Every structure is written in structure tokens, then in C-alpha cells.
């Protein structure tokens, strides 16, 4: 479901040498059934800087669970998370399955059975 929300609070948690700054917006919206909701969303620094209290924002929420919501178009955090997870998963799969095959073919010079039809 979609709704128009309003920015009601901004929060900046300054990091230190080891952790980056964290930017969040608190937004309020009304569901189709009339229930009012308020939630926090982590956003990128540019979105945080552009947002002003009272600004309208597009909200997406689950019809059966309005507490499960997000700011529409706020993918920056999700993209980084997805990229890291793809890298971790690829490394894990190579470690679990590929290293033995790589060792057999490249290091020991054995024939690669995957190349046979």
C-alpha cells in the first residue's frame, strides 16, 4: 500500500574513527483504515540533508501489517547491504565448493569433469 507521510523528526548519530555517521528520519502516516503510524527509516546523507520537518514523503507499507513500512525510493542502505551480502555469499560458495575443484585442476593438474559432456 502507499501513503503520503510527513517528516516529524531527524536524527544524526555521529560516528567515530571506526563507525560512520548514521542518518535517520522519523515519519508519520495514516493507513487506508485510518490508523496513524510513526516509524524511523535510515537514509543516506543527501536525503537527510534535503529533508525538512513537515516535508511530505512517499511511504510504502504492508496492508496486513502497517508497522512494516519504508520510505519509497529509499534504497541506498539496501543496495549496500545487498552488495555486501552477494560478495559474502559468493565467497562462501567458492570456499565450500570451488576451492577443491580449483586445487584439483590448477594446482594438481587433474582433468576437470565439468568440461566433459
N, C-alpha and C. Protein backbone atom coordinates (compact mmCIF):
# COMPACT_ATOMS: atom_id res chain seq x y z
N UNK A 1 0.85 -1.17 0.00
CA UNK A 1 0.00 0.00 0.00
C UNK A 1 0.90 1.24 0.00
N UNK A 2 0.34 2.34 -0.44
CA UNK A 2 1.09 3.59 -0.49
C UNK A 2 0.35 4.66 0.30
N UNK A 3 1.12 5.56 0.87
CA UNK A 3 0.55 6.67 1.62
C UNK A 3 1.50 7.85 1.52
N UNK A 4 0.99 9.02 1.83
CA UNK A 4 1.83 10.21 1.94
C UNK A 4 2.06 10.46 3.42
N UNK A 5 3.33 10.51 3.78
CA UNK A 5 3.69 10.74 5.18
C UNK A 5 4.31 12.11 5.35
N UNK A 6 4.66 12.41 6.57
CA UNK A 6 5.27 13.69 6.92
C UNK A 6 6.51 13.44 7.78
N UNK A 7 7.59 14.14 7.49
CA UNK A 7 8.80 14.05 8.31
C UNK A 7 8.52 14.76 9.63
N UNK A 8 8.66 14.04 10.75
CA UNK A 8 8.38 14.64 12.05
C UNK A 8 9.62 14.79 12.92
N UNK A 9 10.72 14.12 12.54
CA UNK A 9 11.93 14.24 13.35
C UNK A 9 13.13 13.77 12.52
N UNK A 10 14.28 14.37 12.77
CA UNK A 10 15.53 13.97 12.14
C UNK A 10 16.50 13.58 13.23
N UNK A 11 17.32 12.55 12.96
CA UNK A 11 18.28 12.10 13.96
C UNK A 11 19.61 11.80 13.28
N UNK A 12 20.66 12.38 13.81
CA UNK A 12 22.01 12.13 13.31
C UNK A 12 22.83 11.58 14.47
N UNK A 13 23.34 10.39 14.29
CA UNK A 13 24.23 9.80 15.28
C UNK A 13 25.63 9.85 14.70
N UNK A 14 26.46 10.68 15.29
CA UNK A 14 27.81 10.85 14.77
C UNK A 14 28.66 9.65 15.14
N UNK A 15 29.36 9.16 14.14
CA UNK A 15 30.25 8.03 14.35
C UNK A 15 31.60 8.49 14.87
N UNK A 16 32.48 7.53 15.00
CA UNK A 16 33.84 7.86 15.42
C UNK A 16 34.79 7.36 14.34
N UNK A 17 36.02 7.11 14.69
CA UNK A 17 37.00 6.65 13.71
C UNK A 17 36.65 5.30 13.11
N UNK A 18 35.92 4.48 13.83
CA UNK A 18 35.62 3.12 13.38
C UNK A 18 34.22 2.96 12.80
N UNK A 19 33.29 3.84 13.14
CA UNK A 19 31.91 3.71 12.65
C UNK A 19 31.49 5.00 11.95
N UNK A 20 30.77 4.86 10.84
CA UNK A 20 30.32 6.06 10.11
C UNK A 20 29.12 6.71 10.79
N UNK A 21 28.82 7.92 10.38
CA UNK A 21 27.62 8.60 10.88
C UNK A 21 26.38 7.82 10.44
N UNK A 22 25.32 7.91 11.24
CA UNK A 22 24.05 7.25 10.92
C UNK A 22 22.96 8.32 10.82
N UNK A 23 22.22 8.31 9.72
CA UNK A 23 21.19 9.31 9.44
C UNK A 23 19.82 8.64 9.45
N UNK A 24 18.87 9.22 10.18
CA UNK A 24 17.52 8.64 10.26
C UNK A 24 16.47 9.74 10.21
N UNK A 25 15.33 9.37 9.65
CA UNK A 25 14.16 10.25 9.63
C UNK A 25 13.00 9.52 10.29
N UNK A 26 12.26 10.24 11.13
CA UNK A 26 11.03 9.70 11.69
C UNK A 26 9.89 10.29 10.87
N UNK A 27 9.01 9.41 10.39
CA UNK A 27 7.91 9.86 9.56
C UNK A 27 6.59 9.35 10.12
N UNK A 28 5.56 10.10 9.88
CA UNK A 28 4.21 9.73 10.32
C UNK A 28 3.33 9.62 9.09
N UNK A 29 2.42 8.63 9.12
CA UNK A 29 1.49 8.47 8.01
C UNK A 29 0.20 7.84 8.52
N UNK A 30 -0.84 7.97 7.74
CA UNK A 30 -2.13 7.38 8.08
C UNK A 30 -2.44 6.28 7.07
N UNK A 31 -2.79 5.10 7.59
CA UNK A 31 -3.09 3.97 6.72
C UNK A 31 -4.47 4.16 6.09
N UNK A 32 -4.80 3.29 5.15
CA UNK A 32 -6.09 3.36 4.48
C UNK A 32 -7.24 3.16 5.47
N UNK A 33 -6.98 2.39 6.53
CA UNK A 33 -8.04 2.15 7.53
C UNK A 33 -8.15 3.30 8.53
N UNK A 34 -7.26 4.29 8.44
CA UNK A 34 -7.32 5.45 9.32
C UNK A 34 -6.40 5.38 10.52
N UNK A 35 -5.65 4.30 10.65
CA UNK A 35 -4.72 4.17 11.77
C UNK A 35 -3.48 5.04 11.52
N UNK A 36 -3.05 5.75 12.56
CA UNK A 36 -1.85 6.58 12.43
C UNK A 36 -0.63 5.78 12.86
N UNK A 37 0.43 5.92 12.09
CA UNK A 37 1.68 5.20 12.34
C UNK A 37 2.84 6.19 12.35
N UNK A 38 3.86 5.88 13.15
CA UNK A 38 5.11 6.63 13.13
C UNK A 38 6.24 5.61 13.13
N UNK A 39 7.20 5.79 12.25
CA UNK A 39 8.32 4.88 12.13
C UNK A 39 9.60 5.65 11.82
N UNK A 40 10.73 4.98 12.06
CA UNK A 40 12.04 5.51 11.72
C UNK A 40 12.54 4.82 10.47
N UNK A 41 13.31 5.55 9.67
CA UNK A 41 13.96 4.98 8.49
C UNK A 41 15.38 5.51 8.41
N UNK A 42 16.34 4.61 8.20
CA UNK A 42 17.71 5.04 7.93
C UNK A 42 17.77 5.54 6.50
N UNK A 43 18.45 6.65 6.30
CA UNK A 43 18.54 7.25 4.97
C UNK A 43 20.00 7.64 4.69
N UNK A 44 20.27 7.95 3.43
CA UNK A 44 21.61 8.39 3.07
C UNK A 44 21.78 9.86 3.47
N UNK A 45 23.01 10.33 3.54
CA UNK A 45 23.26 11.72 3.97
C UNK A 45 22.56 12.77 3.11
N UNK A 46 22.48 12.53 1.79
CA UNK A 46 21.85 13.51 0.91
C UNK A 46 20.36 13.64 1.20
N UNK A 47 19.68 12.51 1.40
CA UNK A 47 18.26 12.54 1.73
C UNK A 47 18.05 13.25 3.07
N UNK A 48 18.91 12.95 4.03
CA UNK A 48 18.83 13.58 5.35
C UNK A 48 18.97 15.10 5.23
N UNK A 49 19.95 15.55 4.46
CA UNK A 49 20.20 16.99 4.32
C UNK A 49 19.04 17.70 3.63
N UNK A 50 18.44 17.05 2.62
CA UNK A 50 17.33 17.67 1.89
C UNK A 50 16.04 17.71 2.70
N UNK A 51 15.86 16.76 3.61
CA UNK A 51 14.59 16.65 4.34
C UNK A 51 14.46 17.77 5.38
N UNK A 52 13.28 18.33 5.44
CA UNK A 52 12.95 19.34 6.45
C UNK A 52 11.74 18.83 7.22
N UNK A 53 11.63 19.23 8.48
CA UNK A 53 10.46 18.84 9.27
C UNK A 53 9.20 19.36 8.57
N UNK A 54 8.21 18.50 8.45
CA UNK A 54 6.96 18.86 7.78
C UNK A 54 6.92 18.51 6.31
N UNK A 55 8.05 18.10 5.73
CA UNK A 55 8.06 17.69 4.33
C UNK A 55 7.21 16.45 4.12
N UNK A 56 6.56 16.39 2.97
CA UNK A 56 5.82 15.18 2.60
C UNK A 56 6.78 14.15 2.03
N UNK A 57 6.55 12.89 2.38
CA UNK A 57 7.35 11.78 1.86
C UNK A 57 6.42 10.66 1.43
N UNK A 58 6.83 9.93 0.40
CA UNK A 58 6.06 8.77 -0.05
C UNK A 58 6.42 7.58 0.83
N UNK A 59 5.38 6.89 1.32
CA UNK A 59 5.56 5.75 2.21
C UNK A 59 4.94 4.51 1.57
N UNK A 60 5.62 3.39 1.71
CA UNK A 60 5.05 2.11 1.31
C UNK A 60 4.92 1.27 2.56
N UNK A 61 3.78 0.58 2.70
CA UNK A 61 3.57 -0.26 3.88
C UNK A 61 2.78 -1.51 3.50
N UNK A 62 2.94 -2.54 4.33
CA UNK A 62 2.21 -3.79 4.11
C UNK A 62 0.78 -3.61 4.60
N UNK A 63 -0.20 -3.96 3.76
CA UNK A 63 -1.61 -3.76 4.11
C UNK A 63 -1.99 -4.53 5.37
N UNK A 64 -1.45 -5.73 5.53
CA UNK A 64 -1.81 -6.55 6.69
C UNK A 64 -0.95 -6.25 7.92
N UNK A 65 0.11 -5.44 7.74
CA UNK A 65 0.99 -5.08 8.85
C UNK A 65 1.56 -3.69 8.61
N UNK A 66 0.78 -2.64 8.90
CA UNK A 66 1.24 -1.27 8.63
C UNK A 66 2.52 -0.88 9.36
N UNK A 67 2.85 -1.61 10.42
CA UNK A 67 4.12 -1.35 11.11
C UNK A 67 5.32 -1.70 10.24
N UNK A 68 5.09 -2.50 9.21
CA UNK A 68 6.12 -2.86 8.26
C UNK A 68 6.06 -1.85 7.11
N UNK A 69 6.82 -0.78 7.24
CA UNK A 69 6.76 0.29 6.25
C UNK A 69 8.16 0.79 5.94
N UNK A 70 8.24 1.57 4.86
CA UNK A 70 9.51 2.18 4.47
C UNK A 70 9.22 3.42 3.64
N UNK A 71 10.24 4.26 3.53
CA UNK A 71 10.14 5.41 2.66
C UNK A 71 10.34 4.92 1.23
N UNK A 72 9.43 5.26 0.34
CA UNK A 72 9.53 4.84 -1.05
C UNK A 72 10.78 5.44 -1.68
N UNK A 73 11.51 4.62 -2.41
CA UNK A 73 12.71 5.09 -3.08
C UNK A 73 13.94 5.17 -2.19
N UNK A 74 13.84 4.76 -0.95
CA UNK A 74 14.98 4.80 -0.04
C UNK A 74 15.71 3.47 -0.11
N UNK A 75 16.52 3.29 -1.17
CA UNK A 75 17.21 2.03 -1.37
C UNK A 75 18.69 2.10 -1.06
N UNK A 76 19.21 3.25 -0.74
CA UNK A 76 20.65 3.38 -0.63
C UNK A 76 21.24 2.43 0.40
N UNK A 77 20.63 2.31 1.54
CA UNK A 77 21.13 1.40 2.56
C UNK A 77 20.94 -0.04 2.09
N UNK A 78 19.79 -0.32 1.47
CA UNK A 78 19.52 -1.67 0.99
C UNK A 78 20.50 -2.09 -0.09
N UNK A 79 20.89 -1.18 -0.98
CA UNK A 79 21.83 -1.53 -2.04
C UNK A 79 23.18 -1.93 -1.49
N UNK A 80 23.68 -1.18 -0.52
CA UNK A 80 24.97 -1.53 0.08
C UNK A 80 24.89 -2.87 0.79
N UNK A 81 23.82 -3.08 1.50
CA UNK A 81 23.63 -4.35 2.20
C UNK A 81 23.58 -5.50 1.19
N UNK A 82 22.85 -5.33 0.12
CA UNK A 82 22.74 -6.37 -0.90
C UNK A 82 24.09 -6.65 -1.55
N UNK A 83 24.84 -5.60 -1.85
CA UNK A 83 26.16 -5.79 -2.47
C UNK A 83 27.09 -6.56 -1.55
N UNK A 84 27.09 -6.23 -0.29
CA UNK A 84 27.94 -6.93 0.67
C UNK A 84 27.51 -8.38 0.80
N UNK A 85 26.21 -8.61 0.86
CA UNK A 85 25.71 -9.98 1.01
C UNK A 85 26.03 -10.84 -0.21
N UNK A 86 25.96 -10.26 -1.42
CA UNK A 86 26.33 -11.01 -2.63
C UNK A 86 27.80 -11.39 -2.57
N UNK A 87 28.64 -10.47 -2.16
CA UNK A 87 30.07 -10.76 -2.03
C UNK A 87 30.35 -11.84 -1.00
N UNK A 88 29.71 -11.75 0.15
CA UNK A 88 29.90 -12.75 1.21
C UNK A 88 29.40 -14.11 0.75
N UNK A 89 28.24 -14.14 0.11
CA UNK A 89 27.67 -15.41 -0.35
C UNK A 89 28.57 -16.04 -1.43
N UNK A 90 29.03 -15.23 -2.37
CA UNK A 90 29.93 -15.75 -3.40
C UNK A 90 31.21 -16.31 -2.83
N UNK A 91 31.78 -15.61 -1.87
CA UNK A 91 33.00 -16.09 -1.23
C UNK A 91 32.74 -17.39 -0.48
N UNK A 92 31.62 -17.48 0.21
CA UNK A 92 31.29 -18.69 0.96
C UNK A 92 31.07 -19.87 0.01
N UNK A 93 30.37 -19.64 -1.08
CA UNK A 93 30.14 -20.73 -2.04
C UNK A 93 31.44 -21.18 -2.69
N UNK A 94 32.30 -20.23 -3.04
CA UNK A 94 33.59 -20.62 -3.61
C UNK A 94 34.40 -21.40 -2.58
N UNK A 95 34.37 -20.95 -1.34
CA UNK A 95 35.11 -21.65 -0.29
C UNK A 95 34.58 -23.05 -0.06
N UNK A 96 33.26 -23.21 -0.15
CA UNK A 96 32.66 -24.52 0.12
C UNK A 96 32.80 -25.48 -1.04
N UNK A 97 32.65 -24.99 -2.28
CA UNK A 97 32.62 -25.90 -3.41
C UNK A 97 33.75 -25.69 -4.42
N UNK A 98 34.17 -24.47 -4.59
CA UNK A 98 35.11 -24.17 -5.66
C UNK A 98 36.56 -24.42 -5.33
N UNK A 99 36.94 -24.32 -4.09
CA UNK A 99 38.36 -24.42 -3.75
C UNK A 99 38.93 -25.80 -4.06
N UNK A 100 38.13 -26.85 -3.78
CA UNK A 100 38.61 -28.21 -4.06
C UNK A 100 38.79 -28.42 -5.56
N UNK A 101 37.82 -27.93 -6.34
CA UNK A 101 37.90 -28.07 -7.80
C UNK A 101 39.06 -27.24 -8.34
N UNK A 102 39.22 -26.04 -7.86
CA UNK A 102 40.31 -25.19 -8.29
C UNK A 102 41.66 -25.83 -7.97
N UNK A 103 41.78 -26.38 -6.76
CA UNK A 103 43.03 -27.04 -6.37
C UNK A 103 43.31 -28.24 -7.28
N UNK A 104 42.26 -29.02 -7.57
CA UNK A 104 42.46 -30.23 -8.41
C UNK A 104 42.89 -29.85 -9.82
N UNK A 105 42.25 -28.87 -10.41
CA UNK A 105 42.53 -28.53 -11.80
C UNK A 105 43.80 -27.70 -11.94
N UNK A 106 43.91 -26.64 -11.18
CA UNK A 106 45.02 -25.70 -11.36
C UNK A 106 46.30 -26.17 -10.68
N UNK A 107 46.19 -26.61 -9.45
CA UNK A 107 47.39 -26.95 -8.70
C UNK A 107 47.89 -28.36 -9.02
N UNK A 108 46.98 -29.34 -9.02
CA UNK A 108 47.40 -30.73 -9.23
C UNK A 108 47.33 -31.15 -10.69
N UNK A 109 46.76 -30.31 -11.56
CA UNK A 109 46.71 -30.61 -12.99
C UNK A 109 45.76 -31.71 -13.38
N UNK A 110 44.77 -32.01 -12.56
CA UNK A 110 43.80 -33.05 -12.88
C UNK A 110 42.81 -32.55 -13.94
N UNK A 111 42.16 -33.51 -14.59
CA UNK A 111 41.15 -33.18 -15.61
C UNK A 111 39.88 -32.67 -14.93
N UNK A 112 39.26 -31.63 -15.48
CA UNK A 112 38.04 -31.05 -14.92
C UNK A 112 36.84 -31.82 -15.46
N UNK A 113 36.12 -32.58 -14.62
CA UNK A 113 34.98 -33.36 -15.09
C UNK A 113 33.82 -32.49 -15.58
N UNK A 114 33.78 -31.23 -15.19
CA UNK A 114 32.70 -30.35 -15.62
C UNK A 114 32.82 -30.00 -17.11
N UNK A 115 34.00 -30.20 -17.68
CA UNK A 115 34.19 -29.89 -19.09
C UNK A 115 33.79 -31.04 -20.01
N UNK A 116 33.46 -32.20 -19.45
CA UNK A 116 33.01 -33.34 -20.24
C UNK A 116 31.53 -33.26 -20.49
N UNK A 117 31.10 -33.64 -21.66
CA UNK A 117 29.66 -33.65 -21.97
C UNK A 117 29.21 -35.03 -22.06
